[in-house]
Amino acid sequence: CSDNTLYTGITPDLKRRIDEHNKGNGARYTSNKTPVKCVYSEKQLDRSSALKREIEIKRLTREQKLNLTTSKK
């Protein structure tokens, strides 16, 4: 986010979701932190798997999340 925080969420359409966030129509958390950009994403097989992974990522420390963003590059 524009305030250098990290937001985690799930969506079936990443581009659309980022556009929604940047228009202020996304999550309440990002509404005043635009522009937002995607720094990391993963594909999951289904919504259930995506929700489980979202919870795992949300439990990580900021440093661990930042390490995710650099580990795939």
PDB file of N, CA and C in Angstrom:
ATOM      1  N   CYS A   1       0.844  -1.193   0.000  1.00  0.00           N
ATOM      2  CA  CYS A   1       0.000   0.000   0.000  1.00  0.00           C
ATOM      3  C   CYS A   1       0.884   1.250   0.000  1.00  0.00           C
ATOM      4  N   SER A   2       0.276   2.381  -0.273  1.00  0.00           N
ATOM      5  CA  SER A   2       1.051   3.627  -0.363  1.00  0.00           C
ATOM      6  C   SER A   2       1.739   3.990   0.951  1.00  0.00           C
ATOM      7  N   ASP A   3       1.232   3.472   2.081  1.00  0.00           N
ATOM      8  CA  ASP A   3       1.863   3.757   3.372  1.00  0.00           C
ATOM      9  C   ASP A   3       2.910   2.699   3.744  1.00  0.00           C
ATOM     10  N   ASN A   4       3.278   1.878   2.758  1.00  0.00           N
ATOM     11  CA  ASN A   4       4.308   0.844   2.913  1.00  0.00           C
ATOM     12  C   ASN A   4       3.871  -0.333   3.779  1.00  0.00           C
ATOM     13  N   THR A   5       2.564  -0.477   4.018  1.00  0.00           N
ATOM     14  CA  THR A   5       2.069  -1.651   4.714  1.00  0.00           C
ATOM     15  C   THR A   5       1.772  -2.734   3.692  1.00  0.00           C
ATOM     16  N   LEU A   6       1.605  -3.949   4.184  1.00  0.00           N
ATOM     17  CA  LEU A   6       1.341  -5.094   3.321  1.00  0.00           C
ATOM     18  C   LEU A   6      -0.086  -5.592   3.563  1.00  0.00           C
ATOM     19  N   TYR A   7      -0.868  -5.678   2.510  1.00  0.00           N
ATOM     20  CA  TYR A   7      -2.241  -6.165   2.585  1.00  0.00           C
ATOM     21  C   TYR A   7      -2.287  -7.560   1.980  1.00  0.00           C
ATOM     22  N   THR A   8      -3.031  -8.450   2.608  1.00  0.00           N
ATOM     23  CA  THR A   8      -3.178  -9.816   2.109  1.00  0.00           C
ATOM     24  C   THR A   8      -4.651 -10.105   1.886  1.00  0.00           C
ATOM     25  N   GLY A   9      -4.970 -10.657   0.723  1.00  0.00           N
ATOM     26  CA  GLY A   9      -6.341 -11.021   0.423  1.00  0.00           C
ATOM     27  C   GLY A   9      -6.384 -12.061  -0.679  1.00  0.00           C
ATOM     28  N   ILE A  10      -7.598 -12.533  -0.983  1.00  0.00           N
ATOM     29  CA  ILE A  10      -7.756 -13.507  -2.058  1.00  0.00           C
ATOM     30  C   ILE A  10      -8.723 -12.964  -3.101  1.00  0.00           C
ATOM     31  N   THR A  11      -8.570 -13.453  -4.326  1.00  0.00           N
ATOM     32  CA  THR A  11      -9.446 -13.057  -5.419  1.00  0.00           C
ATOM     33  C   THR A  11      -9.270 -14.023  -6.585  1.00  0.00           C
ATOM     34  N   PRO A  12     -10.313 -14.233  -7.371  1.00  0.00           N
ATOM     35  CA  PRO A  12     -10.145 -15.024  -8.581  1.00  0.00           C
ATOM     36  C   PRO A  12      -9.610 -14.198  -9.754  1.00  0.00           C
ATOM     37  N   ASP A  13      -9.608 -12.861  -9.611  1.00  0.00           N
ATOM     38  CA  ASP A  13      -9.184 -11.970 -10.694  1.00  0.00           C
ATOM     39  C   ASP A  13      -8.305 -10.871 -10.115  1.00  0.00           C
ATOM     40  N   LEU A  14      -7.001 -11.096 -10.119  1.00  0.00           N
ATOM     41  CA  LEU A  14      -6.061 -10.182  -9.458  1.00  0.00           C
ATOM     42  C   LEU A  14      -6.076  -8.777 -10.045  1.00  0.00           C
ATOM     43  N   LYS A  15      -6.061  -8.662 -11.365  1.00  0.00           N
ATOM     44  CA  LYS A  15      -6.051  -7.336 -11.985  1.00  0.00           C
ATOM     45  C   LYS A  15      -7.291  -6.534 -11.602  1.00  0.00           C
ATOM     46  N   ARG A  16      -8.458  -7.172 -11.672  1.00  0.00           N
ATOM     47  CA  ARG A  16      -9.701  -6.492 -11.306  1.00  0.00           C
ATOM     48  C   ARG A  16      -9.664  -6.044  -9.851  1.00  0.00           C
ATOM     49  N   ARG A  17      -9.158  -6.914  -8.975  1.00  0.00           N
ATOM     50  CA  ARG A  17      -9.128  -6.598  -7.549  1.00  0.00           C
ATOM     51  C   ARG A  17      -8.206  -5.417  -7.255  1.00  0.00           C
ATOM     52  N   ILE A  18      -7.048  -5.376  -7.901  1.00  0.00           N
ATOM     53  CA  ILE A  18      -6.138  -4.247  -7.695  1.00  0.00           C
ATOM     54  C   ILE A  18      -6.796  -2.958  -8.185  1.00  0.00           C
ATOM     55  N   ASP A  19      -7.453  -3.023  -9.331  1.00  0.00           N
ATOM     56  CA  ASP A  19      -8.182  -1.852  -9.842  1.00  0.00           C
ATOM     57  C   ASP A  19      -9.246  -1.393  -8.846  1.00  0.00           C
ATOM     58  N   GLU A  20      -9.975  -2.341  -8.261  1.00  0.00           N
ATOM     59  CA  GLU A  20     -10.997  -1.992  -7.260  1.00  0.00           C
ATOM     60  C   GLU A  20     -10.360  -1.294  -6.063  1.00  0.00           C
ATOM     61  N   HIS A  21      -9.266  -1.842  -5.566  1.00  0.00           N
ATOM     62  CA  HIS A  21      -8.576  -1.221  -4.430  1.00  0.00           C
ATOM     63  C   HIS A  21      -8.159   0.203  -4.773  1.00  0.00           C
ATOM     64  N   ASN A  22      -7.600   0.398  -5.952  1.00  0.00           N
ATOM     65  CA  ASN A  22      -7.108   1.718  -6.331  1.00  0.00           C
ATOM     66  C   ASN A  22      -8.225   2.721  -6.600  1.00  0.00           C
ATOM     67  N   LYS A  23      -9.426   2.236  -6.859  1.00  0.00           N
ATOM     68  CA  LYS A  23     -10.585   3.124  -7.014  1.00  0.00           C
ATOM     69  C   LYS A  23     -11.288   3.360  -5.693  1.00  0.00           C
ATOM     70  N   GLY A  24     -10.784   2.754  -4.608  1.00  0.00           N
ATOM     71  CA  GLY A  24     -11.393   2.914  -3.295  1.00  0.00           C
ATOM     72  C   GLY A  24     -12.547   1.963  -3.040  1.00  0.00           C
ATOM     73  N   ASN A  25     -12.741   0.980  -3.924  1.00  0.00           N
ATOM     74  CA  ASN A  25     -13.857   0.042  -3.780  1.00  0.00           C
ATOM     75  C   ASN A  25     -13.420  -1.309  -3.250  1.00  0.00           C
ATOM     76  N   GLY A  26     -12.178  -1.448  -2.867  1.00  0.00           N
ATOM     77  CA  GLY A  26     -11.686  -2.720  -2.359  1.00  0.00           C
ATOM     78  C   GLY A  26     -11.946  -2.837  -0.871  1.00  0.00           C
ATOM     79  N   ALA A  27     -11.052  -3.441  -0.179  1.00  0.00           N
ATOM     80  CA  ALA A  27     -11.182  -3.613   1.262  1.00  0.00           C
ATOM     81  C   ALA A  27     -11.128  -2.266   1.981  1.00  0.00           C
ATOM     82  N   ARG A  28     -11.793  -2.183   3.100  1.00  0.00           N
ATOM     83  CA  ARG A  28     -11.774  -0.962   3.908  1.00  0.00           C
ATOM     84  C   ARG A  28     -10.333  -0.585   4.266  1.00  0.00           C
ATOM     85  N   TYR A  29      -9.511  -1.596   4.528  1.00  0.00           N
ATOM     86  CA  TYR A  29      -8.120  -1.354   4.908  1.00  0.00           C
ATOM     87  C   TYR A  29      -7.372  -0.550   3.857  1.00  0.00           C
ATOM     88  N   THR A  30      -7.603  -0.829   2.580  1.00  0.00           N
ATOM     89  CA  THR A  30      -6.844  -0.170   1.520  1.00  0.00           C
ATOM     90  C   THR A  30      -7.481   1.116   1.015  1.00  0.00           C
ATOM     91  N   SER A  31      -8.680   1.423   1.467  1.00  0.00           N
ATOM     92  CA  SER A  31      -9.420   2.552   0.891  1.00  0.00           C
ATOM     93  C   SER A  31      -8.688   3.888   1.004  1.00  0.00           C
ATOM     94  N   ASN A  32      -7.901   4.079   2.037  1.00  0.00           N
ATOM     95  CA  ASN A  32      -7.161   5.342   2.182  1.00  0.00           C
ATOM     96  C   ASN A  32      -5.648   5.130   2.057  1.00  0.00           C
ATOM     97  N   LYS A  33      -5.257   4.023   1.429  1.00  0.00           N
ATOM     98  CA  LYS A  33      -3.836   3.708   1.278  1.00  0.00           C
ATOM     99  C   LYS A  33      -3.472   3.502  -0.190  1.00  0.00           C
ATOM    100  N   THR A  34      -4.158   4.193  -1.079  1.00  0.00           N
ATOM    101  CA  THR A  34      -3.913   4.045  -2.517  1.00  0.00           C
ATOM    102  C   THR A  34      -2.788   4.976  -2.946  1.00  0.00           C
ATOM    103  N   PRO A  35      -2.085   4.637  -4.001  1.00  0.00           N
ATOM    104  CA  PRO A  35      -2.285   3.447  -4.822  1.00  0.00           C
ATOM    105  C   PRO A  35      -1.695   2.208  -4.165  1.00  0.00           C
ATOM    106  N   VAL A  36      -2.282   1.073  -4.498  1.00  0.00           N
ATOM    107  CA  VAL A  36      -1.749  -0.211  -4.063  1.00  0.00           C
ATOM    108  C   VAL A  36      -1.169  -0.922  -5.278  1.00  0.00           C
ATOM    109  N   LYS A  37      -0.226  -1.817  -5.034  1.00  0.00           N
ATOM    110  CA  LYS A  37       0.317  -2.627  -6.124  1.00  0.00           C
ATOM    111  C   LYS A  37       0.555  -4.030  -5.593  1.00  0.00           C
ATOM    112  N   CYS A  38       0.555  -4.987  -6.478  1.00  0.00           N
ATOM    113  CA  CYS A  38       0.798  -6.376  -6.103  1.00  0.00           C
ATOM    114  C   CYS A  38       2.302  -6.623  -6.086  1.00  0.00           C
ATOM    115  N   VAL A  39       2.797  -7.124  -4.958  1.00  0.00           N
ATOM    116  CA  VAL A  39       4.212  -7.448  -4.858  1.00  0.00           C
ATOM    117  C   VAL A  39       4.439  -8.952  -4.756  1.00  0.00           C
ATOM    118  N   TYR A  40       3.355  -9.716  -4.601  1.00  0.00           N
ATOM    119  CA  TYR A  40       3.463 -11.162  -4.494  1.00  0.00           C
ATOM    120  C   TYR A  40       2.098 -11.786  -4.724  1.00  0.00           C
ATOM    121  N   SER A  41       2.064 -12.890  -5.430  1.00  0.00           N
ATOM    122  CA  SER A  41       0.807 -13.629  -5.590  1.00  0.00           C
ATOM    123  C   SER A  41       1.104 -15.115  -5.732  1.00  0.00           C
ATOM    124  N   GLU A  42       0.114 -15.909  -5.396  1.00  0.00           N
ATOM    125  CA  GLU A  42       0.182 -17.361  -5.540  1.00  0.00           C
ATOM    126  C   GLU A  42      -1.139 -17.819  -6.129  1.00  0.00           C
ATOM    127  N   LYS A  43      -1.093 -18.861  -6.923  1.00  0.00           N
ATOM    128  CA  LYS A  43      -2.320 -19.487  -7.408  1.00  0.00           C
ATOM    129  C   LYS A  43      -2.617 -20.693  -6.536  1.00  0.00           C
ATOM    130  N   GLN A  44      -3.889 -20.881  -6.235  1.00  0.00           N
ATOM    131  CA  GLN A  44      -4.336 -22.027  -5.461  1.00  0.00           C
ATOM    132  C   GLN A  44      -5.359 -22.809  -6.273  1.00  0.00           C
ATOM    133  N   LEU A  45      -5.558 -24.059  -5.929  1.00  0.00           N
ATOM    134  CA  LEU A  45      -6.467 -24.917  -6.686  1.00  0.00           C
ATOM    135  C   LEU A  45      -7.931 -24.529  -6.524  1.00  0.00           C
ATOM    136  N   ASP A  46      -8.305 -24.062  -5.330  1.00  0.00           N
ATOM    137  CA  ASP A  46      -9.705 -23.725  -5.065  1.00  0.00           C
ATOM    138  C   ASP A  46      -9.787 -22.675  -3.964  1.00  0.00           C
ATOM    139  N   ARG A  47     -10.999 -22.181  -3.732  1.00  0.00           N
ATOM    140  CA  ARG A  47     -11.209 -21.119  -2.746  1.00  0.00           C
ATOM    141  C   ARG A  47     -10.795 -21.562  -1.339  1.00  0.00           C
ATOM    142  N   SER A  48     -11.095 -22.798  -0.996  1.00  0.00           N
ATOM    143  CA  SER A  48     -10.739 -23.311   0.325  1.00  0.00           C
ATOM    144  C   SER A  48      -9.228 -23.264   0.546  1.00  0.00           C
ATOM    145  N   SER A  49      -8.479 -23.713  -0.437  1.00  0.00           N
ATOM    146  CA  SER A  49      -7.011 -23.670  -0.346  1.00  0.00           C
ATOM    147  C   SER A  49      -6.517 -22.234  -0.260  1.00  0.00           C
ATOM    148  N   ALA A  50      -7.147 -21.354  -1.012  1.00  0.00           N
ATOM    149  CA  ALA A  50      -6.754 -19.938  -1.008  1.00  0.00           C
ATOM    150  C   ALA A  50      -6.987 -19.314   0.363  1.00  0.00           C
ATOM    151  N   LEU A  51      -8.129 -19.613   0.977  1.00  0.00           N
ATOM    152  CA  LEU A  51      -8.421 -19.068   2.305  1.00  0.00           C
ATOM    153  C   LEU A  51      -7.435 -19.580   3.346  1.00  0.00           C
ATOM    154  N   LYS A  52      -7.096 -20.860   3.267  1.00  0.00           N
ATOM    155  CA  LYS A  52      -6.121 -21.424   4.212  1.00  0.00           C
ATOM    156  C   LYS A  52      -4.756 -20.756   4.042  1.00  0.00           C
ATOM    157  N   ARG A  53      -4.344 -20.563   2.806  1.00  0.00           N
ATOM    158  CA  ARG A  53      -3.053 -19.932   2.554  1.00  0.00           C
ATOM    159  C   ARG A  53      -3.068 -18.466   2.979  1.00  0.00           C
ATOM    160  N   GLU A  54      -4.192 -17.790   2.765  1.00  0.00           N
ATOM    161  CA  GLU A  54      -4.310 -16.398   3.210  1.00  0.00           C
ATOM    162  C   GLU A  54      -4.083 -16.310   4.719  1.00  0.00           C
ATOM    163  N   ILE A  55      -4.684 -17.199   5.468  1.00  0.00           N
ATOM    164  CA  ILE A  55      -4.515 -17.199   6.925  1.00  0.00           C
ATOM    165  C   ILE A  55      -3.048 -17.443   7.281  1.00  0.00           C
ATOM    166  N   GLU A  56      -2.408 -18.386   6.598  1.00  0.00           N
ATOM    167  CA  GLU A  56      -0.986 -18.649   6.855  1.00  0.00           C
ATOM    168  C   GLU A  56      -0.150 -17.400   6.623  1.00  0.00           C
ATOM    169  N   ILE A  57      -0.405 -16.722   5.523  1.00  0.00           N
ATOM    170  CA  ILE A  57       0.388 -15.527   5.192  1.00  0.00           C
ATOM    171  C   ILE A  57       0.102 -14.407   6.182  1.00  0.00           C
ATOM    172  N   LYS A  58      -1.150 -14.237   6.566  1.00  0.00           N
ATOM    173  CA  LYS A  58      -1.478 -13.177   7.526  1.00  0.00           C
ATOM    174  C   LYS A  58      -0.798 -13.393   8.866  1.00  0.00           C
ATOM    175  N   ARG A  59      -0.483 -14.624   9.203  1.00  0.00           N
ATOM    176  CA  ARG A  59       0.185 -14.927  10.476  1.00  0.00           C
ATOM    177  C   ARG A  59       1.691 -14.683  10.428  1.00  0.00           C
ATOM    178  N   LEU A  60       2.238 -14.481   9.249  1.00  0.00           N
ATOM    179  CA  LEU A  60       3.677 -14.229   9.121  1.00  0.00           C
ATOM    180  C   LEU A  60       4.028 -12.833   9.631  1.00  0.00           C
ATOM    181  N   THR A  61       5.272 -12.676  10.033  1.00  0.00           N
ATOM    182  CA  THR A  61       5.757 -11.348  10.394  1.00  0.00           C
ATOM    183  C   THR A  61       5.961 -10.534   9.122  1.00  0.00           C
ATOM    184  N   ARG A  62       6.112  -9.251   9.269  1.00  0.00           N
ATOM    185  CA  ARG A  62       6.375  -8.400   8.111  1.00  0.00           C
ATOM    186  C   ARG A  62       7.636  -8.870   7.384  1.00  0.00           C
ATOM    187  N   GLU A  63       8.678  -9.190   8.138  1.00  0.00           N
ATOM    188  CA  GLU A  63       9.932  -9.645   7.531  1.00  0.00           C
ATOM    189  C   GLU A  63       9.716 -10.933   6.730  1.00  0.00           C
ATOM    190  N   GLN A  64       8.961 -11.867   7.276  1.00  0.00           N
ATOM    191  CA  GLN A  64       8.689 -13.113   6.566  1.00  0.00           C
ATOM    192  C   GLN A  64       7.895 -12.853   5.285  1.00  0.00           C
ATOM    193  N   LYS A  65       6.941 -11.924   5.347  1.00  0.00           N
ATOM    194  CA  LYS A  65       6.162 -11.572   4.152  1.00  0.00           C
ATOM    195  C   LYS A  65       7.068 -10.949   3.099  1.00  0.00           C
ATOM    196  N   LEU A  66       7.961 -10.072   3.513  1.00  0.00           N
ATOM    197  CA  LEU A  66       8.890  -9.454   2.567  1.00  0.00           C
ATOM    198  C   LEU A  66       9.802 -10.505   1.942  1.00  0.00           C
ATOM    199  N   ASN A  67      10.192 -11.497   2.710  1.00  0.00           N
ATOM    200  CA  ASN A  67      11.013 -12.582   2.174  1.00  0.00           C
ATOM    201  C   ASN A  67      10.246 -13.354   1.094  1.00  0.00           C
ATOM    202  N   LEU A  68       8.940 -13.502   1.243  1.00  0.00           N
ATOM    203  CA  LEU A  68       8.132 -14.141   0.201  1.00  0.00           C
ATOM    204  C   LEU A  68       8.240 -13.363  -1.090  1.00  0.00           C
ATOM    205  N   THR A  69       8.210 -12.044  -0.997  1.00  0.00           N
ATOM    206  CA  THR A  69       8.209 -11.210  -2.209  1.00  0.00           C
ATOM    207  C   THR A  69       9.514 -11.313  -2.965  1.00  0.00           C
ATOM    208  N   THR A  70      10.590 -11.648  -2.289  1.00  0.00           N
ATOM    209  CA  THR A  70      11.890 -11.734  -2.965  1.00  0.00           C
ATOM    210  C   THR A  70      12.255 -13.171  -3.325  1.00  0.00           C
ATOM    211  N   SER A  71      11.609 -14.146  -2.707  1.00  0.00           N
ATOM    212  CA  SER A  71      11.990 -15.538  -2.938  1.00  0.00           C
ATOM    213  C   SER A  71      11.562 -16.059  -4.311  1.00  0.00           C
ATOM    214  N   LYS A  72      10.524 -15.468  -4.920  1.00  0.00           N
ATOM    215  CA  LYS A  72      10.039 -15.950  -6.207  1.00  0.00           C
ATOM    216  C   LYS A  72      10.684 -15.240  -7.386  1.00  0.00           C
ATOM    217  N   LYS A  73      11.446 -14.216  -7.149  1.00  0.00           N
ATOM    218  CA  LYS A  73      12.032 -13.431  -8.249  1.00  0.00           C
ATOM    219  C   LYS A  73      13.251 -14.074  -8.811  1.00  0.00           C
TER     220      LYS A  73
END
